[in-house]
Amino acid sequence: MSGVMQKMMKQAQKMQAEYQKSQAELAKKEVVGTSGGSMVKIVMDGNGVLQSVKIAKEAVDPDDVEMLEDLVAAAIRNASDQVKKLSDDSLGAMTSGLGLSGF
């Protein structure tokens, strides 16, 4: 194997290790998505795994289930957006120095 190829393989292995470390660190972080003035709160870890759902009693109206469904969906979207930003910030820093601008 040529020296260039060996260098590329080592760099790829290093990147893989850094990626795995970043994923483990993300899993330890939490984001809270809210809607309805915080009547619905969704907690996700940094990998987007749902941890908990909290719904205020005031949000529960048996005559308007659709509103509660909309609030839950909005809180999930809010949490998911935060997870994506957290992931982009974490993993973006890792990939920014790769010099892949031509790809």
C-alpha atoms as a PDB file:
ATOM      1  CA  MET A   1       0.000   0.000   0.000  1.00  0.00           C
ATOM      2  CA  SER A   2       1.364   3.399  -0.897  1.00  0.00           C
ATOM      3  CA  GLY A   3       2.171   6.017   1.716  1.00  0.00           C
ATOM      4  CA  VAL A   4      -0.706   8.193   0.507  1.00  0.00           C
ATOM      5  CA  MET A   5      -3.167   5.316   0.840  1.00  0.00           C
ATOM      6  CA  GLN A   6      -1.921   4.474   4.339  1.00  0.00           C
ATOM      7  CA  LYS A   7      -2.280   8.110   5.358  1.00  0.00           C
ATOM      8  CA  MET A   8      -5.845   8.186   4.013  1.00  0.00           C
ATOM      9  CA  MET A   9      -6.723   4.983   5.878  1.00  0.00           C
ATOM     10  CA  LYS A  10      -5.351   6.366   9.148  1.00  0.00           C
ATOM     11  CA  GLN A  11      -7.272   9.592   8.615  1.00  0.00           C
ATOM     12  CA  ALA A  12     -10.482   7.638   7.925  1.00  0.00           C
ATOM     13  CA  GLN A  13     -10.000   5.554  11.086  1.00  0.00           C
ATOM     14  CA  LYS A  14      -9.397   8.700  13.111  1.00  0.00           C
ATOM     15  CA  MET A  15     -12.548  10.293  11.685  1.00  0.00           C
ATOM     16  CA  GLN A  16     -14.581   7.193  12.498  1.00  0.00           C
ATOM     17  CA  ALA A  17     -13.356   7.241  16.097  1.00  0.00           C
ATOM     18  CA  GLU A  18     -14.157  10.958  16.391  1.00  0.00           C
ATOM     19  CA  TYR A  19     -17.610  10.382  14.912  1.00  0.00           C
ATOM     20  CA  GLN A  20     -18.352   7.604  17.405  1.00  0.00           C
ATOM     21  CA  LYS A  21     -17.158   9.807  20.256  1.00  0.00           C
ATOM     22  CA  SER A  22     -19.385  12.650  19.038  1.00  0.00           C
ATOM     23  CA  GLN A  23     -22.386  10.322  18.819  1.00  0.00           C
ATOM     24  CA  ALA A  24     -21.775   9.119  22.399  1.00  0.00           C
ATOM     25  CA  GLU A  25     -21.515  12.715  23.606  1.00  0.00           C
ATOM     26  CA  LEU A  26     -24.716  13.657  21.774  1.00  0.00           C
ATOM     27  CA  ALA A  27     -26.576  10.803  23.459  1.00  0.00           C
ATOM     28  CA  LYS A  28     -25.745  12.349  26.846  1.00  0.00           C
ATOM     29  CA  LYS A  29     -27.272  15.723  25.933  1.00  0.00           C
ATOM     30  CA  GLU A  30     -30.948  16.596  26.185  1.00  0.00           C
ATOM     31  CA  VAL A  31     -33.184  19.032  24.368  1.00  0.00           C
ATOM     32  CA  VAL A  32     -36.680  20.130  25.364  1.00  0.00           C
ATOM     33  CA  GLY A  33     -39.235  20.890  22.689  1.00  0.00           C
ATOM     34  CA  THR A  34     -42.296  22.851  23.751  1.00  0.00           C
ATOM     35  CA  SER A  35     -45.575  24.088  22.345  1.00  0.00           C
ATOM     36  CA  GLY A  36     -48.674  25.836  23.567  1.00  0.00           C
ATOM     37  CA  GLY A  37     -46.761  28.103  25.916  1.00  0.00           C
ATOM     38  CA  SER A  38     -44.979  25.063  27.377  1.00  0.00           C
ATOM     39  CA  MET A  39     -48.213  23.149  27.965  1.00  0.00           C
ATOM     40  CA  VAL A  40     -46.584  20.269  26.073  1.00  0.00           C
ATOM     41  CA  LYS A  41     -42.926  19.398  26.646  1.00  0.00           C
ATOM     42  CA  ILE A  42     -40.994  16.754  24.749  1.00  0.00           C
ATOM     43  CA  VAL A  43     -37.549  15.677  25.971  1.00  0.00           C
ATOM     44  CA  MET A  44     -35.176  13.994  23.507  1.00  0.00           C
ATOM     45  CA  ASP A  45     -31.561  13.009  23.796  1.00  0.00           C
ATOM     46  CA  GLY A  46     -29.016  14.418  21.376  1.00  0.00           C
ATOM     47  CA  ASN A  47     -29.509  11.450  19.045  1.00  0.00           C
ATOM     48  CA  GLY A  48     -33.228  12.186  18.732  1.00  0.00           C
ATOM     49  CA  VAL A  49     -34.454   9.400  20.986  1.00  0.00           C
ATOM     50  CA  LEU A  50     -37.625  10.377  22.842  1.00  0.00           C
ATOM     51  CA  GLN A  51     -37.060  10.405  26.606  1.00  0.00           C
ATOM     52  CA  SER A  52     -40.299  11.831  27.987  1.00  0.00           C
ATOM     53  CA  VAL A  53     -43.558  13.619  27.253  1.00  0.00           C
ATOM     54  CA  LYS A  54     -45.158  16.041  29.707  1.00  0.00           C
ATOM     55  CA  ILE A  55     -48.648  17.441  29.133  1.00  0.00           C
ATOM     56  CA  ALA A  56     -50.177  20.087  31.386  1.00  0.00           C
ATOM     57  CA  LYS A  57     -53.692  19.351  32.627  1.00  0.00           C
ATOM     58  CA  GLU A  58     -54.928  22.551  30.979  1.00  0.00           C
ATOM     59  CA  ALA A  59     -53.992  21.143  27.577  1.00  0.00           C
ATOM     60  CA  VAL A  60     -56.334  18.178  27.954  1.00  0.00           C
ATOM     61  CA  ASP A  61     -59.804  18.972  26.638  1.00  0.00           C
ATOM     62  CA  PRO A  62     -61.845  15.868  25.822  1.00  0.00           C
ATOM     63  CA  ASP A  63     -63.918  17.963  23.421  1.00  0.00           C
ATOM     64  CA  ASP A  64     -60.849  19.124  21.484  1.00  0.00           C
ATOM     65  CA  VAL A  65     -58.487  16.170  21.097  1.00  0.00           C
ATOM     66  CA  GLU A  66     -57.214  17.580  17.795  1.00  0.00           C
ATOM     67  CA  MET A  67     -55.725  20.600  19.583  1.00  0.00           C
ATOM     68  CA  LEU A  68     -53.751  18.327  21.913  1.00  0.00           C
ATOM     69  CA  GLU A  69     -52.575  16.235  18.964  1.00  0.00           C
ATOM     70  CA  ASP A  70     -51.399  19.421  17.221  1.00  0.00           C
ATOM     71  CA  LEU A  71     -49.578  20.585  20.364  1.00  0.00           C
ATOM     72  CA  VAL A  72     -47.781  17.236  20.734  1.00  0.00           C
ATOM     73  CA  ALA A  73     -46.785  17.227  17.063  1.00  0.00           C
ATOM     74  CA  ALA A  74     -45.504  20.810  17.315  1.00  0.00           C
ATOM     75  CA  ALA A  75     -43.458  20.010  20.436  1.00  0.00           C
ATOM     76  CA  ILE A  76     -41.933  16.970  18.721  1.00  0.00           C
ATOM     77  CA  ARG A  77     -41.006  19.074  15.676  1.00  0.00           C
ATOM     78  CA  ASN A  78     -39.494  21.688  17.979  1.00  0.00           C
ATOM     79  CA  ALA A  79     -37.393  19.084  19.808  1.00  0.00           C
ATOM     80  CA  SER A  80     -36.361  17.424  16.530  1.00  0.00           C
ATOM     81  CA  ASP A  81     -35.220  20.771  15.130  1.00  0.00           C
ATOM     82  CA  GLN A  82     -33.096  21.312  18.235  1.00  0.00           C
ATOM     83  CA  VAL A  83     -31.571  17.826  17.926  1.00  0.00           C
ATOM     84  CA  LYS A  84     -30.689  18.518  14.287  1.00  0.00           C
ATOM     85  CA  LYS A  85     -29.006  21.805  15.191  1.00  0.00           C
ATOM     86  CA  LEU A  86     -27.122  20.149  18.055  1.00  0.00           C
ATOM     87  CA  SER A  87     -25.982  17.369  15.737  1.00  0.00           C
ATOM     88  CA  ASP A  88     -25.035  19.781  12.946  1.00  0.00           C
ATOM     89  CA  ASP A  89     -23.020  21.887  15.391  1.00  0.00           C
ATOM     90  CA  SER A  90     -21.261  18.858  16.852  1.00  0.00           C
ATOM     91  CA  LEU A  91     -20.582  16.898  13.684  1.00  0.00           C
ATOM     92  CA  GLY A  92     -20.126  19.937  11.458  1.00  0.00           C
ATOM     93  CA  ALA A  93     -17.060  20.975  13.421  1.00  0.00           C
ATOM     94  CA  MET A  94     -15.612  17.516  12.885  1.00  0.00           C
ATOM     95  CA  THR A  95     -16.117  17.500   9.104  1.00  0.00           C
ATOM     96  CA  SER A  96     -15.244  21.132   8.389  1.00  0.00           C
ATOM     97  CA  GLY A  97     -11.532  20.418   8.069  1.00  0.00           C
ATOM     98  CA  LEU A  98     -11.836  17.608   5.555  1.00  0.00           C
ATOM     99  CA  GLY A  99     -11.347  19.749   2.476  1.00  0.00           C
ATOM    100  CA  LEU A 100     -14.264  18.165   0.631  1.00  0.00           C
ATOM    101  CA  SER A 101     -15.487  21.391  -0.938  1.00  0.00           C
ATOM    102  CA  GLY A 102     -15.108  19.975  -4.451  1.00  0.00           C
ATOM    103  CA  PHE A 103     -17.459  17.050  -3.831  1.00  0.00           C
END
